[in-house]
Amino acid sequence: MSSPSHLQELTEEELRRRNARSRALGWFLGALVILFFVVTIAKLGGNVMNRPI
């Protein structure tokens, strides 16, 4: 199965830059998840773990 003719192969530099962007986006999204978690815990307060089940 061959690739369509309108697609071109990426150069080594383009692949490296795309991987760097992907890693940066991953770190940003991970940091955003952690930030939301910390803000949620801060808003709930420290006693959220002391409630009866």
PDB file of N, CA and C in Angstrom:
ATOM      1  N   MET A   1       0.855  -1.172   0.000  1.00  0.00           N
ATOM      2  CA  MET A   1       0.000   0.000   0.000  1.00  0.00           C
ATOM      3  C   MET A   1       0.896   1.228   0.000  1.00  0.00           C
ATOM      4  N   SER A   2       0.745   2.073  -0.990  1.00  0.00           N
ATOM      5  CA  SER A   2       1.587   3.266  -1.088  1.00  0.00           C
ATOM      6  C   SER A   2       0.837   4.480  -0.573  1.00  0.00           C
ATOM      7  N   SER A   3       1.596   5.489  -0.154  1.00  0.00           N
ATOM      8  CA  SER A   3       0.977   6.703   0.358  1.00  0.00           C
ATOM      9  C   SER A   3       0.499   7.568  -0.801  1.00  0.00           C
ATOM     10  N   PRO A   4      -0.506   8.409  -0.561  1.00  0.00           N
ATOM     11  CA  PRO A   4      -1.001   9.290  -1.624  1.00  0.00           C
ATOM     12  C   PRO A   4       0.104  10.214  -2.125  1.00  0.00           C
ATOM     13  N   SER A   5       0.017  10.597  -3.389  1.00  0.00           N
ATOM     14  CA  SER A   5       1.081  11.390  -3.996  1.00  0.00           C
ATOM     15  C   SER A   5       1.132  12.820  -3.468  1.00  0.00           C
ATOM     16  N   HIS A   6       0.042  13.328  -2.889  1.00  0.00           N
ATOM     17  CA  HIS A   6       0.051  14.705  -2.399  1.00  0.00           C
ATOM     18  C   HIS A   6       0.742  14.830  -1.034  1.00  0.00           C
ATOM     19  N   LEU A   7       1.055  13.723  -0.399  1.00  0.00           N
ATOM     20  CA  LEU A   7       1.774  13.759   0.869  1.00  0.00           C
ATOM     21  C   LEU A   7       3.264  13.668   0.604  1.00  0.00           C
ATOM     22  N   GLN A   8       4.038  14.453   1.335  1.00  0.00           N
ATOM     23  CA  GLN A   8       5.484  14.391   1.162  1.00  0.00           C
ATOM     24  C   GLN A   8       6.128  13.876   2.438  1.00  0.00           C
ATOM     25  N   GLU A   9       7.273  13.289   2.283  1.00  0.00           N
ATOM     26  CA  GLU A   9       8.022  12.802   3.434  1.00  0.00           C
ATOM     27  C   GLU A   9       8.577  13.988   4.212  1.00  0.00           C
ATOM     28  N   LEU A  10       8.538  13.897   5.531  1.00  0.00           N
ATOM     29  CA  LEU A  10       9.091  14.962   6.365  1.00  0.00           C
ATOM     30  C   LEU A  10      10.594  14.775   6.495  1.00  0.00           C
ATOM     31  N   THR A  11      11.285  15.897   6.527  1.00  0.00           N
ATOM     32  CA  THR A  11      12.730  15.830   6.716  1.00  0.00           C
ATOM     33  C   THR A  11      13.032  15.523   8.176  1.00  0.00           C
ATOM     34  N   GLU A  12      14.275  15.188   8.445  1.00  0.00           N
ATOM     35  CA  GLU A  12      14.695  14.901   9.821  1.00  0.00           C
ATOM     36  C   GLU A  12      14.447  16.108  10.727  1.00  0.00           C
ATOM     37  N   GLU A  13      14.721  17.300  10.218  1.00  0.00           N
ATOM     38  CA  GLU A  13      14.509  18.533  10.995  1.00  0.00           C
ATOM     39  C   GLU A  13      13.029  18.743  11.299  1.00  0.00           C
ATOM     40  N   GLU A  14      12.161  18.500  10.324  1.00  0.00           N
ATOM     41  CA  GLU A  14      10.725  18.666  10.535  1.00  0.00           C
ATOM     42  C   GLU A  14      10.198  17.648  11.541  1.00  0.00           C
ATOM     43  N   LEU A  15      10.676  16.422  11.461  1.00  0.00           N
ATOM     44  CA  LEU A  15      10.268  15.409  12.439  1.00  0.00           C
ATOM     45  C   LEU A  15      10.722  15.782  13.842  1.00  0.00           C
ATOM     46  N   ARG A  16      11.955  16.275  13.961  1.00  0.00           N
ATOM     47  CA  ARG A  16      12.489  16.678  15.261  1.00  0.00           C
ATOM     48  C   ARG A  16      11.668  17.822  15.849  1.00  0.00           C
ATOM     49  N   ARG A  17      11.328  18.803  15.014  1.00  0.00           N
ATOM     50  CA  ARG A  17      10.544  19.942  15.495  1.00  0.00           C
ATOM     51  C   ARG A  17       9.121  19.528  15.863  1.00  0.00           C
ATOM     52  N   ARG A  18       8.527  18.609  15.081  1.00  0.00           N
ATOM     53  CA  ARG A  18       7.184  18.132  15.405  1.00  0.00           C
ATOM     54  C   ARG A  18       7.191  17.380  16.727  1.00  0.00           C
ATOM     55  N   ASN A  19       8.200  16.546  16.946  1.00  0.00           N
ATOM     56  CA  ASN A  19       8.302  15.823  18.214  1.00  0.00           C
ATOM     57  C   ASN A  19       8.492  16.783  19.377  1.00  0.00           C
ATOM     58  N   ALA A  20       9.272  17.838  19.184  1.00  0.00           N
ATOM     59  CA  ALA A  20       9.478  18.832  20.238  1.00  0.00           C
ATOM     60  C   ALA A  20       8.166  19.544  20.560  1.00  0.00           C
ATOM     61  N   ARG A  21       7.389  19.892  19.536  1.00  0.00           N
ATOM     62  CA  ARG A  21       6.084  20.526  19.770  1.00  0.00           C
ATOM     63  C   ARG A  21       5.148  19.578  20.503  1.00  0.00           C
ATOM     64  N   SER A  22       5.161  18.312  20.127  1.00  0.00           N
ATOM     65  CA  SER A  22       4.293  17.328  20.783  1.00  0.00           C
ATOM     66  C   SER A  22       4.655  17.176  22.256  1.00  0.00           C
ATOM     67  N   ARG A  23       5.956  17.113  22.546  1.00  0.00           N
ATOM     68  CA  ARG A  23       6.389  17.018  23.943  1.00  0.00           C
ATOM     69  C   ARG A  23       6.002  18.263  24.725  1.00  0.00           C
ATOM     70  N   ALA A  24       6.184  19.444  24.137  1.00  0.00           N
ATOM     71  CA  ALA A  24       5.826  20.689  24.818  1.00  0.00           C
ATOM     72  C   ALA A  24       4.327  20.733  25.103  1.00  0.00           C
ATOM     73  N   LEU A  25       3.523  20.316  24.142  1.00  0.00           N
ATOM     74  CA  LEU A  25       2.076  20.294  24.337  1.00  0.00           C
ATOM     75  C   LEU A  25       1.690  19.290  25.421  1.00  0.00           C
ATOM     76  N   GLY A  26       2.341  18.153  25.441  1.00  0.00           N
ATOM     77  CA  GLY A  26       2.083  17.157  26.484  1.00  0.00           C
ATOM     78  C   GLY A  26       2.414  17.677  27.869  1.00  0.00           C
ATOM     79  N   TRP A  27       3.576  18.332  28.009  1.00  0.00           N
ATOM     80  CA  TRP A  27       3.949  18.911  29.303  1.00  0.00           C
ATOM     81  C   TRP A  27       2.958  19.990  29.725  1.00  0.00           C
ATOM     82  N   PHE A  28       2.525  20.828  28.776  1.00  0.00           N
ATOM     83  CA  PHE A  28       1.569  21.887  29.085  1.00  0.00           C
ATOM     84  C   PHE A  28       0.242  21.298  29.564  1.00  0.00           C
ATOM     85  N   LEU A  29      -0.268  20.296  28.855  1.00  0.00           N
ATOM     86  CA  LEU A  29      -1.538  19.686  29.251  1.00  0.00           C
ATOM     87  C   LEU A  29      -1.427  18.977  30.598  1.00  0.00           C
ATOM     88  N   GLY A  30      -0.303  18.311  30.838  1.00  0.00           N
ATOM     89  CA  GLY A  30      -0.082  17.674  32.137  1.00  0.00           C
ATOM     90  C   GLY A  30      -0.046  18.694  33.265  1.00  0.00           C
ATOM     91  N   ALA A  31       0.630  19.821  33.030  1.00  0.00           N
ATOM     92  CA  ALA A  31       0.690  20.885  34.040  1.00  0.00           C
ATOM     93  C   ALA A  31      -0.694  21.469  34.289  1.00  0.00           C
ATOM     94  N   LEU A  32      -1.504  21.586  33.237  1.00  0.00           N
ATOM     95  CA  LEU A  32      -2.856  22.109  33.389  1.00  0.00           C
ATOM     96  C   LEU A  32      -3.716  21.168  34.231  1.00  0.00           C
ATOM     97  N   VAL A  33      -3.586  19.872  34.026  1.00  0.00           N
ATOM     98  CA  VAL A  33      -4.321  18.887  34.831  1.00  0.00           C
ATOM     99  C   VAL A  33      -3.920  19.000  36.296  1.00  0.00           C
ATOM    100  N   ILE A  34      -2.621  19.103  36.550  1.00  0.00           N
ATOM    101  CA  ILE A  34      -2.137  19.231  37.929  1.00  0.00           C
ATOM    102  C   ILE A  34      -2.641  20.525  38.553  1.00  0.00           C
ATOM    103  N   LEU A  35      -2.620  21.619  37.786  1.00  0.00           N
ATOM    104  CA  LEU A  35      -3.123  22.897  38.297  1.00  0.00           C
ATOM    105  C   LEU A  35      -4.596  22.791  38.670  1.00  0.00           C
ATOM    106  N   PHE A  36      -5.420  22.190  37.801  1.00  0.00           N
ATOM    107  CA  PHE A  36      -6.840  22.027  38.112  1.00  0.00           C
ATOM    108  C   PHE A  36      -7.038  21.170  39.357  1.00  0.00           C
ATOM    109  N   PHE A  37      -6.251  20.116  39.504  1.00  0.00           N
ATOM    110  CA  PHE A  37      -6.350  19.250  40.674  1.00  0.00           C
ATOM    111  C   PHE A  37      -6.022  20.025  41.949  1.00  0.00           C
ATOM    112  N   VAL A  38      -4.926  20.786  41.923  1.00  0.00           N
ATOM    113  CA  VAL A  38      -4.508  21.551  43.102  1.00  0.00           C
ATOM    114  C   VAL A  38      -5.552  22.602  43.457  1.00  0.00           C
ATOM    115  N   VAL A  39      -6.084  23.306  42.468  1.00  0.00           N
ATOM    116  CA  VAL A  39      -7.104  24.325  42.739  1.00  0.00           C
ATOM    117  C   VAL A  39      -8.363  23.677  43.302  1.00  0.00           C
ATOM    118  N   THR A  40      -8.752  22.526  42.778  1.00  0.00           N
ATOM    119  CA  THR A  40      -9.936  21.834  43.286  1.00  0.00           C
ATOM    120  C   THR A  40      -9.747  21.415  44.732  1.00  0.00           C
ATOM    121  N   ILE A  41      -8.600  20.835  45.060  1.00  0.00           N
ATOM    122  CA  ILE A  41      -8.325  20.430  46.441  1.00  0.00           C
ATOM    123  C   ILE A  41      -8.290  21.648  47.352  1.00  0.00           C
ATOM    124  N   ALA A  42      -7.704  22.746  46.890  1.00  0.00           N
ATOM    125  CA  ALA A  42      -7.643  23.969  47.699  1.00  0.00           C
ATOM    126  C   ALA A  42      -9.042  24.509  47.964  1.00  0.00           C
ATOM    127  N   LYS A  43      -9.919  24.473  46.973  1.00  0.00           N
ATOM    128  CA  LYS A  43     -11.284  24.965  47.161  1.00  0.00           C
ATOM    129  C   LYS A  43     -12.092  24.048  48.081  1.00  0.00           C
ATOM    130  N   LEU A  44     -11.866  22.741  47.993  1.00  0.00           N
ATOM    131  CA  LEU A  44     -12.595  21.812  48.853  1.00  0.00           C
ATOM    132  C   LEU A  44     -12.129  21.914  50.295  1.00  0.00           C
ATOM    133  N   GLY A  45     -10.887  22.260  50.495  1.00  0.00           N
ATOM    134  CA  GLY A  45     -10.349  22.372  51.841  1.00  0.00           C
ATOM    135  C   GLY A  45      -9.652  21.098  52.271  1.00  0.00           C
ATOM    136  N   GLY A  46      -8.890  21.209  53.340  1.00  0.00           N
ATOM    137  CA  GLY A  46      -8.101  20.089  53.817  1.00  0.00           C
ATOM    138  C   GLY A  46      -8.910  18.996  54.482  1.00  0.00           C
ATOM    139  N   ASN A  47     -10.119  19.284  54.925  1.00  0.00           N
ATOM    140  CA  ASN A  47     -10.915  18.299  55.659  1.00  0.00           C
ATOM    141  C   ASN A  47     -11.692  17.352  54.756  1.00  0.00           C
ATOM    142  N   VAL A  48     -11.495  17.421  53.462  1.00  0.00           N
ATOM    143  CA  VAL A  48     -12.243  16.556  52.557  1.00  0.00           C
ATOM    144  C   VAL A  48     -11.909  15.081  52.796  1.00  0.00           C
ATOM    145  N   MET A  49     -10.703  14.781  53.273  1.00  0.00           N
ATOM    146  CA  MET A  49     -10.324  13.394  53.536  1.00  0.00           C
ATOM    147  C   MET A  49     -10.826  12.904  54.896  1.00  0.00           C
ATOM    148  N   ASN A  50     -11.295  13.775  55.752  1.00  0.00           N
ATOM    149  CA  ASN A  50     -11.723  13.386  57.097  1.00  0.00           C
ATOM    150  C   ASN A  50     -13.220  13.084  57.193  1.00  0.00           C
ATOM    151  N   ARG A  51     -13.932  13.163  56.105  1.00  0.00           N
ATOM    152  CA  ARG A  51     -15.377  12.928  56.175  1.00  0.00           C
ATOM    153  C   ARG A  51     -15.672  11.427  56.234  1.00  0.00           C
ATOM    154  N   PRO A  52     -16.768  11.045  56.878  1.00  0.00           N
ATOM    155  CA  PRO A  52     -17.119   9.622  56.938  1.00  0.00           C
ATOM    156  C   PRO A  52     -17.609   9.130  55.578  1.00  0.00           C
ATOM    157  N   ILE A  53     -17.401   7.854  55.349  1.00  0.00           N
ATOM    158  CA  ILE A  53     -17.818   7.271  54.062  1.00  0.00           C
ATOM    159  C   ILE A  53     -19.208   6.701  54.175  1.00  0.00           C
TER     160      ILE A  53
END
